PDB file of N, CA and C in Angstrom:
ATOM      1  N   MET A   1      11.417   9.731   8.943  1.00  0.00           N
ATOM      2  CA  MET A   1      10.412   9.630   7.923  1.00  0.00           C
ATOM      3  C   MET A   1      11.102   9.569   6.562  1.00  0.00           C
ATOM      4  N   GLN A   2      10.648   8.658   5.753  1.00  0.00           N
ATOM      5  CA  GLN A   2      11.233   8.495   4.434  1.00  0.00           C
ATOM      6  C   GLN A   2      10.315   9.114   3.386  1.00  0.00           C
ATOM      7  N   PRO A   3      10.881   9.842   2.428  1.00  0.00           N
ATOM      8  CA  PRO A   3      10.034  10.493   1.419  1.00  0.00           C
ATOM      9  C   PRO A   3       9.431   9.474   0.455  1.00  0.00           C
ATOM     10  N   SER A   4       8.227   9.763   0.002  1.00  0.00           N
ATOM     11  CA  SER A   4       7.572   8.894  -0.980  1.00  0.00           C
ATOM     12  C   SER A   4       8.160   9.160  -2.365  1.00  0.00           C
ATOM     13  N   ALA A   5       7.912   8.234  -3.272  1.00  0.00           N
ATOM     14  CA  ALA A   5       8.394   8.401  -4.645  1.00  0.00           C
ATOM     15  C   ALA A   5       7.741   9.625  -5.294  1.00  0.00           C
ATOM     16  N   ASP A   6       6.477   9.871  -4.971  1.00  0.00           N
ATOM     17  CA  ASP A   6       5.784  11.035  -5.538  1.00  0.00           C
ATOM     18  C   ASP A   6       6.434  12.336  -5.078  1.00  0.00           C
ATOM     19  N   LEU A   7       6.745  12.432  -3.797  1.00  0.00           N
ATOM     20  CA  LEU A   7       7.396  13.635  -3.284  1.00  0.00           C
ATOM     21  C   LEU A   7       8.753  13.841  -3.962  1.00  0.00           C
ATOM     22  N   CYS A   8       9.492  12.774  -4.135  1.00  0.00           N
ATOM     23  CA  CYS A   8      10.806  12.878  -4.784  1.00  0.00           C
ATOM     24  C   CYS A   8      10.677  13.367  -6.222  1.00  0.00           C
ATOM     25  N   ARG A   9       9.673  12.870  -6.938  1.00  0.00           N
ATOM     26  CA  ARG A   9       9.470  13.303  -8.329  1.00  0.00           C
ATOM     27  C   ARG A   9       9.063  14.781  -8.380  1.00  0.00           C
ATOM     28  N   ILE A  10       8.249  15.214  -7.439  1.00  0.00           N
ATOM     29  CA  ILE A  10       7.849  16.624  -7.387  1.00  0.00           C
ATOM     30  C   ILE A  10       9.066  17.509  -7.128  1.00  0.00           C
ATOM     31  N   GLN A  11       9.912  17.099  -6.184  1.00  0.00           N
ATOM     32  CA  GLN A  11      11.115  17.872  -5.880  1.00  0.00           C
ATOM     33  C   GLN A  11      12.083  17.882  -7.060  1.00  0.00           C
ATOM     34  N   GLU A  12      12.180  16.765  -7.749  1.00  0.00           N
ATOM     35  CA  GLU A  12      13.049  16.703  -8.935  1.00  0.00           C
ATOM     36  C   GLU A  12      12.566  17.702  -9.990  1.00  0.00           C
ATOM     37  N   ALA A  13      11.256  17.719 -10.243  1.00  0.00           N
ATOM     38  CA  ALA A  13      10.697  18.647 -11.233  1.00  0.00           C
ATOM     39  C   ALA A  13      10.922  20.099 -10.802  1.00  0.00           C
ATOM     40  N   PHE A  14      10.777  20.378  -9.514  1.00  0.00           N
ATOM     41  CA  PHE A  14      10.997  21.722  -9.003  1.00  0.00           C
ATOM     42  C   PHE A  14      12.441  22.166  -9.259  1.00  0.00           C
ATOM     43  N   GLN A  15      13.389  21.286  -8.960  1.00  0.00           N
ATOM     44  CA  GLN A  15      14.802  21.619  -9.151  1.00  0.00           C
ATOM     45  C   GLN A  15      15.142  21.779 -10.641  1.00  0.00           C
ATOM     46  N   LEU A  16      14.532  20.966 -11.491  1.00  0.00           N
ATOM     47  CA  LEU A  16      14.770  21.105 -12.929  1.00  0.00           C
ATOM     48  C   LEU A  16      14.239  22.442 -13.449  1.00  0.00           C
ATOM     49  N   ARG A  17      13.063  22.869 -12.955  1.00  0.00           N
ATOM     50  CA  ARG A  17      12.536  24.183 -13.336  1.00  0.00           C
ATOM     51  C   ARG A  17      13.448  25.297 -12.825  1.00  0.00           C
ATOM     52  N   ARG A  18      13.947  25.121 -11.609  1.00  0.00           N
ATOM     53  CA  ARG A  18      14.860  26.123 -11.035  1.00  0.00           C
ATOM     54  C   ARG A  18      16.120  26.226 -11.897  1.00  0.00           C
ATOM     55  N   ALA A  19      16.652  25.083 -12.341  1.00  0.00           N
ATOM     56  CA  ALA A  19      17.858  25.089 -13.175  1.00  0.00           C
ATOM     57  C   ALA A  19      17.583  25.744 -14.529  1.00  0.00           C
ATOM     58  N   ALA A  20      16.413  25.465 -15.084  1.00  0.00           N
ATOM     59  CA  ALA A  20      16.081  26.033 -16.393  1.00  0.00           C
ATOM     60  C   ALA A  20      15.906  27.549 -16.328  1.00  0.00           C
ATOM     61  N   ASN A  21      15.430  28.056 -15.210  1.00  0.00           N
ATOM     62  CA  ASN A  21      15.157  29.490 -15.086  1.00  0.00           C
ATOM     63  C   ASN A  21      16.298  30.272 -14.434  1.00  0.00           C
ATOM     64  N   ALA A  22      17.358  29.593 -14.038  1.00  0.00           N
ATOM     65  CA  ALA A  22      18.458  30.274 -13.344  1.00  0.00           C
ATOM     66  C   ALA A  22      19.300  31.082 -14.326  1.00  0.00           C
ATOM     67  N   SER A  23      19.632  32.287 -13.910  1.00  0.00           N
ATOM     68  CA  SER A  23      20.490  33.121 -14.754  1.00  0.00           C
ATOM     69  C   SER A  23      21.969  32.946 -14.382  1.00  0.00           C
ATOM     70  N   LEU A  24      22.222  32.463 -13.181  1.00  0.00           N
ATOM     71  CA  LEU A  24      23.598  32.248 -12.726  1.00  0.00           C
ATOM     72  C   LEU A  24      23.999  30.788 -12.928  1.00  0.00           C
ATOM     73  N   GLY A  25      25.204  30.587 -13.397  1.00  0.00           N
ATOM     74  CA  GLY A  25      25.704  29.241 -13.671  1.00  0.00           C
ATOM     75  C   GLY A  25      25.802  28.359 -12.445  1.00  0.00           C
ATOM     76  N   ASN A  26      26.236  28.930 -11.312  1.00  0.00           N
ATOM     77  CA  ASN A  26      26.387  28.109 -10.115  1.00  0.00           C
ATOM     78  C   ASN A  26      25.015  27.678  -9.565  1.00  0.00           C
ATOM     79  N   VAL A  27      24.008  28.535  -9.683  1.00  0.00           N
ATOM     80  CA  VAL A  27      22.654  28.173  -9.244  1.00  0.00           C
ATOM     81  C   VAL A  27      22.128  27.046 -10.129  1.00  0.00           C
ATOM     82  N   ARG A  28      22.355  27.159 -11.421  1.00  0.00           N
ATOM     83  CA  ARG A  28      21.925  26.124 -12.364  1.00  0.00           C
ATOM     84  C   ARG A  28      22.598  24.789 -12.047  1.00  0.00           C
ATOM     85  N   SER A  29      23.896  24.832 -11.791  1.00  0.00           N
ATOM     86  CA  SER A  29      24.657  23.615 -11.504  1.00  0.00           C
ATOM     87  C   SER A  29      24.157  22.933 -10.235  1.00  0.00           C
ATOM     88  N   ILE A  30      23.943  23.719  -9.207  1.00  0.00           N
ATOM     89  CA  ILE A  30      23.468  23.149  -7.939  1.00  0.00           C
ATOM     90  C   ILE A  30      22.062  22.577  -8.104  1.00  0.00           C
ATOM     91  N   ALA A  31      21.192  23.262  -8.822  1.00  0.00           N
ATOM     92  CA  ALA A  31      19.823  22.776  -9.033  1.00  0.00           C
ATOM     93  C   ALA A  31      19.814  21.481  -9.840  1.00  0.00           C
ATOM     94  N   GLU A  32      20.701  21.372 -10.831  1.00  0.00           N
ATOM     95  CA  GLU A  32      20.790  20.146 -11.619  1.00  0.00           C
ATOM     96  C   GLU A  32      21.273  18.977 -10.764  1.00  0.00           C
ATOM     97  N   LYS A  33      22.251  19.241  -9.889  1.00  0.00           N
ATOM     98  CA  LYS A  33      22.731  18.188  -8.980  1.00  0.00           C
ATOM     99  C   LYS A  33      21.636  17.780  -7.992  1.00  0.00           C
ATOM    100  N   ALA A  34      20.871  18.765  -7.517  1.00  0.00           N
ATOM    101  CA  ALA A  34      19.770  18.458  -6.600  1.00  0.00           C
ATOM    102  C   ALA A  34      18.711  17.615  -7.313  1.00  0.00           C
ATOM    103  N   ALA A  35      18.417  17.949  -8.563  1.00  0.00           N
ATOM    104  CA  ALA A  35      17.432  17.174  -9.329  1.00  0.00           C
ATOM    105  C   ALA A  35      17.910  15.737  -9.513  1.00  0.00           C
ATOM    106  N   ALA A  36      19.191  15.556  -9.777  1.00  0.00           N
ATOM    107  CA  ALA A  36      19.734  14.203  -9.930  1.00  0.00           C
ATOM    108  C   ALA A  36      19.647  13.426  -8.618  1.00  0.00           C
ATOM    109  N   ALA A  37      19.884  14.100  -7.513  1.00  0.00           N
ATOM    110  CA  ALA A  37      19.787  13.436  -6.202  1.00  0.00           C
ATOM    111  C   ALA A  37      18.344  13.029  -5.914  1.00  0.00           C
ATOM    112  N   TRP A  38      17.386  13.911  -6.229  1.00  0.00           N
ATOM    113  CA  TRP A  38      15.979  13.576  -6.025  1.00  0.00           C
ATOM    114  C   TRP A  38      15.555  12.425  -6.933  1.00  0.00           C
ATOM    115  N   ARG A  39      16.086  12.385  -8.162  1.00  0.00           N
ATOM    116  CA  ARG A  39      15.784  11.289  -9.087  1.00  0.00           C
ATOM    117  C   ARG A  39      16.262   9.963  -8.510  1.00  0.00           C
ATOM    118  N   ALA A  40      17.468   9.955  -7.968  1.00  0.00           N
ATOM    119  CA  ALA A  40      18.007   8.726  -7.363  1.00  0.00           C
ATOM    120  C   ALA A  40      17.182   8.320  -6.135  1.00  0.00           C
ATOM    121  N   GLU A  41      16.812   9.284  -5.327  1.00  0.00           N
ATOM    122  CA  GLU A  41      15.998   8.987  -4.141  1.00  0.00           C
ATOM    123  C   GLU A  41      14.634   8.438  -4.540  1.00  0.00           C
ATOM    124  N   ALA A  42      14.072   8.934  -5.650  1.00  0.00           N
ATOM    125  CA  ALA A  42      12.780   8.429  -6.131  1.00  0.00           C
ATOM    126  C   ALA A  42      12.886   6.952  -6.501  1.00  0.00           C
ATOM    127  N   LEU A  43      14.001   6.566  -7.113  1.00  0.00           N
ATOM    128  CA  LEU A  43      14.190   5.150  -7.453  1.00  0.00           C
ATOM    129  C   LEU A  43      14.260   4.291  -6.197  1.00  0.00           C
ATOM    130  N   PHE A  44      14.969   4.754  -5.185  1.00  0.00           N
ATOM    131  CA  PHE A  44      15.032   4.019  -3.916  1.00  0.00           C
ATOM    132  C   PHE A  44      13.649   3.932  -3.278  1.00  0.00           C
ATOM    133  N   ALA A  45      12.905   5.034  -3.323  1.00  0.00           N
ATOM    134  CA  ALA A  45      11.574   5.068  -2.710  1.00  0.00           C
ATOM    135  C   ALA A  45      10.619   4.124  -3.438  1.00  0.00           C
ATOM    136  N   GLU A  46      10.697   4.065  -4.762  1.00  0.00           N
ATOM    137  CA  GLU A  46       9.837   3.152  -5.518  1.00  0.00           C
ATOM    138  C   GLU A  46      10.107   1.705  -5.135  1.00  0.00           C
ATOM    139  N   GLY A  47      11.376   1.335  -5.020  1.00  0.00           N
ATOM    140  CA  GLY A  47      11.722  -0.022  -4.591  1.00  0.00           C
ATOM    141  C   GLY A  47      11.210  -0.320  -3.196  1.00  0.00           C
ATOM    142  N   ARG A  48      11.375   0.641  -2.296  1.00  0.00           N
ATOM    143  CA  ARG A  48      10.916   0.477  -0.917  1.00  0.00           C
ATOM    144  C   ARG A  48       9.394   0.291  -0.869  1.00  0.00           C
ATOM    145  N   GLU A  49       8.672   1.109  -1.660  1.00  0.00           N
ATOM    146  CA  GLU A  49       7.219   1.027  -1.673  1.00  0.00           C
ATOM    147  C   GLU A  49       6.742  -0.296  -2.269  1.00  0.00           C
ATOM    148  N   GLN A  50       7.432  -0.801  -3.273  1.00  0.00           N
ATOM    149  CA  GLN A  50       7.070  -2.098  -3.852  1.00  0.00           C
ATOM    150  C   GLN A  50       7.272  -3.215  -2.835  1.00  0.00           C
ATOM    151  N   ARG A  51       8.381  -3.171  -2.102  1.00  0.00           N
ATOM    152  CA  ARG A  51       8.629  -4.199  -1.080  1.00  0.00           C
ATOM    153  C   ARG A  51       7.578  -4.137   0.024  1.00  0.00           C
ATOM    154  N   GLN A  52       7.196  -2.930   0.423  1.00  0.00           N
ATOM    155  CA  GLN A  52       6.176  -2.780   1.462  1.00  0.00           C
ATOM    156  C   GLN A  52       4.833  -3.323   0.991  1.00  0.00           C
ATOM    157  N   GLU A  53       4.488  -3.089  -0.273  1.00  0.00           N
ATOM    158  CA  GLU A  53       3.226  -3.591  -0.818  1.00  0.00           C
ATOM    159  C   GLU A  53       3.248  -5.121  -0.876  1.00  0.00           C
ATOM    160  N   GLN A  54       4.364  -5.707  -1.295  1.00  0.00           N
ATOM    161  CA  GLN A  54       4.470  -7.162  -1.328  1.00  0.00           C
ATOM    162  C   GLN A  54       4.336  -7.746   0.072  1.00  0.00           C
ATOM    163  N   LEU A  55       4.975  -7.115   1.044  1.00  0.00           N
ATOM    164  CA  LEU A  55       4.888  -7.578   2.425  1.00  0.00           C
ATOM    165  C   LEU A  55       3.461  -7.463   2.939  1.00  0.00           C
ATOM    166  N   ARG A  56       2.766  -6.379   2.587  1.00  0.00           N
ATOM    167  CA  ARG A  56       1.378  -6.209   3.012  1.00  0.00           C
ATOM    168  C   ARG A  56       0.493  -7.313   2.442  1.00  0.00           C
ATOM    169  N   LEU A  57       0.711  -7.675   1.171  1.00  0.00           N
ATOM    170  CA  LEU A  57      -0.071  -8.740   0.547  1.00  0.00           C
ATOM    171  C   LEU A  57       0.202 -10.088   1.198  1.00  0.00           C
ATOM    172  N   VAL A  58       1.456 -10.345   1.527  1.00  0.00           N
ATOM    173  CA  VAL A  58       1.805 -11.602   2.190  1.00  0.00           C
ATOM    174  C   VAL A  58       1.140 -11.673   3.563  1.00  0.00           C
ATOM    175  N   ARG A  59       1.204 -10.583   4.307  1.00  0.00           N
ATOM    176  CA  ARG A  59       0.582 -10.558   5.634  1.00  0.00           C
ATOM    177  C   ARG A  59      -0.932 -10.719   5.552  1.00  0.00           C
ATOM    178  N   ALA A  60      -1.550 -10.097   4.552  1.00  0.00           N
ATOM    179  CA  ALA A  60      -3.002 -10.231   4.378  1.00  0.00           C
ATOM    180  C   ALA A  60      -3.363 -11.686   4.080  1.00  0.00           C
ATOM    181  N   GLY A  61      -2.564 -12.352   3.268  1.00  0.00           N
ATOM    182  CA  GLY A  61      -2.788 -13.766   2.979  1.00  0.00           C
ATOM    183  C   GLY A  61      -2.630 -14.632   4.218  1.00  0.00           C
ATOM    184  N   GLU A  62      -1.631 -14.327   5.039  1.00  0.00           N
ATOM    185  CA  GLU A  62      -1.426 -15.077   6.275  1.00  0.00           C
ATOM    186  C   GLU A  62      -2.591 -14.884   7.235  1.00  0.00           C
ATOM    187  N   LEU A  63      -3.081 -13.650   7.342  1.00  0.00           N
ATOM    188  CA  LEU A  63      -4.219 -13.380   8.225  1.00  0.00           C
ATOM    189  C   LEU A  63      -5.471 -14.109   7.750  1.00  0.00           C
ATOM    190  N   GLU A  64      -5.689 -14.147   6.445  1.00  0.00           N
ATOM    191  CA  GLU A  64      -6.848 -14.856   5.903  1.00  0.00           C
ATOM    192  C   GLU A  64      -6.727 -16.352   6.172  1.00  0.00           C
ATOM    193  N   SER A  65      -5.522 -16.906   6.035  1.00  0.00           N
ATOM    194  CA  SER A  65      -5.312 -18.326   6.334  1.00  0.00           C
ATOM    195  C   SER A  65      -5.582 -18.625   7.801  1.00  0.00           C
ATOM    196  N   GLU A  66      -5.127 -17.734   8.684  1.00  0.00           N
ATOM    197  CA  GLU A  66      -5.380 -17.916  10.110  1.00  0.00           C
ATOM    198  C   GLU A  66      -6.873 -17.832  10.417  1.00  0.00           C
ATOM    199  N   ARG A  67      -7.575 -16.910   9.754  1.00  0.00           N
ATOM    200  CA  ARG A  67      -9.013 -16.773   9.977  1.00  0.00           C
ATOM    201  C   ARG A  67      -9.750 -18.034   9.535  1.00  0.00           C
ATOM    202  N   LEU A  68      -9.386 -18.554   8.363  1.00  0.00           N
ATOM    203  CA  LEU A  68     -10.030 -19.772   7.870  1.00  0.00           C
ATOM    204  C   LEU A  68      -9.724 -20.969   8.764  1.00  0.00           C
ATOM    205  N   ALA A  69      -8.500 -21.033   9.249  1.00  0.00           N
ATOM    206  CA  ALA A  69      -8.133 -22.125  10.153  1.00  0.00           C
ATOM    207  C   ALA A  69      -8.931 -22.031  11.455  1.00  0.00           C
ATOM    208  N   GLY A  70      -9.136 -20.801  11.937  1.00  0.00           N
ATOM    209  CA  GLY A  70      -9.944 -20.608  13.148  1.00  0.00           C
ATOM    210  C   GLY A  70     -11.380 -21.028  12.937  1.00  0.00           C
ATOM    211  N   GLU A  71     -11.937 -20.723  11.773  1.00  0.00           N
ATOM    212  CA  GLU A  71     -13.301 -21.141  11.468  1.00  0.00           C
ATOM    213  C   GLU A  71     -13.405 -22.656  11.401  1.00  0.00           C
ATOM    214  N   GLN A  72     -12.425 -23.291  10.783  1.00  0.00           N
ATOM    215  CA  GLN A  72     -12.422 -24.755  10.706  1.00  0.00           C
ATOM    216  C   GLN A  72     -12.342 -25.362  12.105  1.00  0.00           C
ATOM    217  N   LEU A  73     -11.526 -24.760  12.949  1.00  0.00           N
ATOM    218  CA  LEU A  73     -11.394 -25.255  14.321  1.00  0.00           C
ATOM    219  C   LEU A  73     -12.711 -25.097  15.064  1.00  0.00           C
ATOM    220  N   ASP A  74     -13.375 -23.944  14.888  1.00  0.00           N
ATOM    221  CA  ASP A  74     -14.671 -23.723  15.532  1.00  0.00           C
ATOM    222  C   ASP A  74     -15.693 -24.757  15.083  1.00  0.00           C
ATOM    223  N   ARG A  75     -15.719 -25.059  13.797  1.00  0.00           N
ATOM    224  CA  ARG A  75     -16.652 -26.067  13.290  1.00  0.00           C
ATOM    225  C   ARG A  75     -16.317 -27.446  13.838  1.00  0.00           C
ATOM    226  N   GLY A  76     -15.038 -27.705  13.976  1.00  0.00           N
ATOM    227  CA  GLY A  76     -14.609 -29.021  14.453  1.00  0.00           C
ATOM    228  C   GLY A  76     -14.981 -29.287  15.902  1.00  0.00           C
ATOM    229  N   ILE A  77     -14.980 -28.253  16.736  1.00  0.00           N
ATOM    230  CA  ILE A  77     -15.277 -28.477  18.147  1.00  0.00           C
ATOM    231  C   ILE A  77     -16.725 -28.160  18.497  1.00  0.00           C
ATOM    232  N   SER A  78     -17.523 -27.764  17.511  1.00  0.00           N
ATOM    233  CA  SER A  78     -18.923 -27.461  17.744  1.00  0.00           C
ATOM    234  C   SER A  78     -19.718 -28.749  17.886  1.00  0.00           C
ATOM    235  N   GLU A  79     -20.755 -28.705  18.735  1.00  0.00           N
ATOM    236  CA  GLU A  79     -21.639 -29.856  18.873  1.00  0.00           C
ATOM    237  C   GLU A  79     -22.519 -30.016  17.642  1.00  0.00           C
ATOM    238  N   ASN A  80     -22.736 -28.944  16.910  1.00  0.00           N
ATOM    239  CA  ASN A  80     -23.556 -28.969  15.709  1.00  0.00           C
ATOM    240  C   ASN A  80     -22.632 -28.921  14.502  1.00  0.00           C
ATOM    241  N   PRO A  81     -22.480 -30.032  13.769  1.00  0.00           N
ATOM    242  CA  PRO A  81     -21.543 -30.051  12.648  1.00  0.00           C
ATOM    243  C   PRO A  81     -21.963 -29.163  11.479  1.00  0.00           C
ATOM    244  N   ASP A  82     -23.239 -28.746  11.427  1.00  0.00           N
ATOM    245  CA  ASP A  82     -23.703 -27.885  10.341  1.00  0.00           C
ATOM    246  C   ASP A  82     -23.587 -26.409  10.686  1.00  0.00           C
ATOM    247  N   ARG A  83     -23.024 -26.095  11.823  1.00  0.00           N
ATOM    248  CA  ARG A  83     -22.910 -24.716  12.267  1.00  0.00           C
ATOM    249  C   ARG A  83     -22.106 -23.914  11.251  1.00  0.00           C
ATOM    250  N   GLY A  84     -22.634 -22.772  10.876  1.00  0.00           N
ATOM    251  CA  GLY A  84     -21.935 -21.899   9.947  1.00  0.00           C
ATOM    252  C   GLY A  84     -22.178 -22.220   8.498  1.00  0.00           C
ATOM    253  N   ARG A  85     -22.917 -23.259   8.201  1.00  0.00           N
ATOM    254  CA  ARG A  85     -23.153 -23.648   6.807  1.00  0.00           C
ATOM    255  C   ARG A  85     -24.535 -23.248   6.313  1.00  0.00           C
ATOM    256  N   ALA A  86     -25.440 -22.968   7.206  1.00  0.00           N
ATOM    257  CA  ALA A  86     -26.800 -22.608   6.819  1.00  0.00           C
ATOM    258  C   ALA A  86     -26.840 -21.170   6.327  1.00  0.00           C
ATOM    259  N   GLY A  87     -27.835 -20.878   5.513  1.00  0.00           N
ATOM    260  CA  GLY A  87     -28.016 -19.520   5.023  1.00  0.00           C
ATOM    261  C   GLY A  87     -28.619 -18.655   6.113  1.00  0.00           C
ATOM    262  N   PRO A  88     -28.847 -17.384   5.841  1.00  0.00           N
ATOM    263  CA  PRO A  88     -29.410 -16.501   6.840  1.00  0.00           C
ATOM    264  C   PRO A  88     -30.851 -16.909   7.169  1.00  0.00           C
ATOM    265  N   ALA A  89     -31.176 -16.831   8.440  1.00  0.00           N
ATOM    266  CA  ALA A  89     -32.512 -17.188   8.896  1.00  0.00           C
ATOM    267  C   ALA A  89     -33.507 -16.114   8.474  1.00  0.00           C
ATOM    268  N   VAL A  90     -34.680 -16.517   8.041  1.00  0.00           N
ATOM    269  CA  VAL A  90     -35.717 -15.596   7.641  1.00  0.00           C
ATOM    270  C   VAL A  90     -36.889 -15.806   8.591  1.00  0.00           C
ATOM    271  N   HIS A  91     -37.333 -14.737   9.210  1.00  0.00           N
ATOM    272  CA  HIS A  91     -38.448 -14.813  10.132  1.00  0.00           C
ATOM    273  C   HIS A  91     -39.722 -15.114   9.342  1.00  0.00           C
ATOM    274  N   PRO A  92     -40.562 -16.072   9.777  1.00  0.00           N
ATOM    275  CA  PRO A  92     -41.753 -16.439   8.992  1.00  0.00           C
ATOM    276  C   PRO A  92     -42.766 -15.302   8.866  1.00  0.00           C
ATOM    277  N   ASP A  93     -42.755 -14.346   9.785  1.00  0.00           N
ATOM    278  CA  ASP A  93     -43.699 -13.244   9.727  1.00  0.00           C
ATOM    279  C   ASP A  93     -43.147 -12.027   8.991  1.00  0.00           C
ATOM    280  N   ALA A  94     -41.983 -12.168   8.403  1.00  0.00           N
ATOM    281  CA  ALA A  94     -41.360 -11.037   7.725  1.00  0.00           C
ATOM    282  C   ALA A  94     -42.159 -10.678   6.475  1.00  0.00           C
ATOM    283  N   ILE A  95     -42.284  -9.390   6.238  1.00  0.00           N
ATOM    284  CA  ILE A  95     -43.035  -8.899   5.096  1.00  0.00           C
ATOM    285  C   ILE A  95     -42.056  -8.524   3.994  1.00  0.00           C
ATOM    286  N   SER A  96     -42.248  -9.071   2.814  1.00  0.00           N
ATOM    287  CA  SER A  96     -41.387  -8.729   1.678  1.00  0.00           C
ATOM    288  C   SER A  96     -41.963  -7.524   0.975  1.00  0.00           C
ATOM    289  N   VAL A  97     -41.097  -6.632   0.552  1.00  0.00           N
ATOM    290  CA  VAL A  97     -41.553  -5.441  -0.152  1.00  0.00           C
ATOM    291  C   VAL A  97     -41.138  -5.522  -1.601  1.00  0.00           C
TER     292      VAL A  97
END
């Protein structure tokens, strides 16, 4: 499992607070290094999330193209060339409110 950019930013802030409140120098140093590591991981996670979003958009576009092509094929092989072009049927006895 890969951490999200939000989780990395939260961990970075936590480590920065730990460094600011540390009374011992070695604890402060380690917390600052941990915050820097989380900052770097957040940058990697942001790039990864952007690539995933772009891929999702591309796939959604491909699926829509396939759906439209399927509809065109259905219309092409239908005995009724107007199939799918008419509006919704309204029953003549329907009561409007």
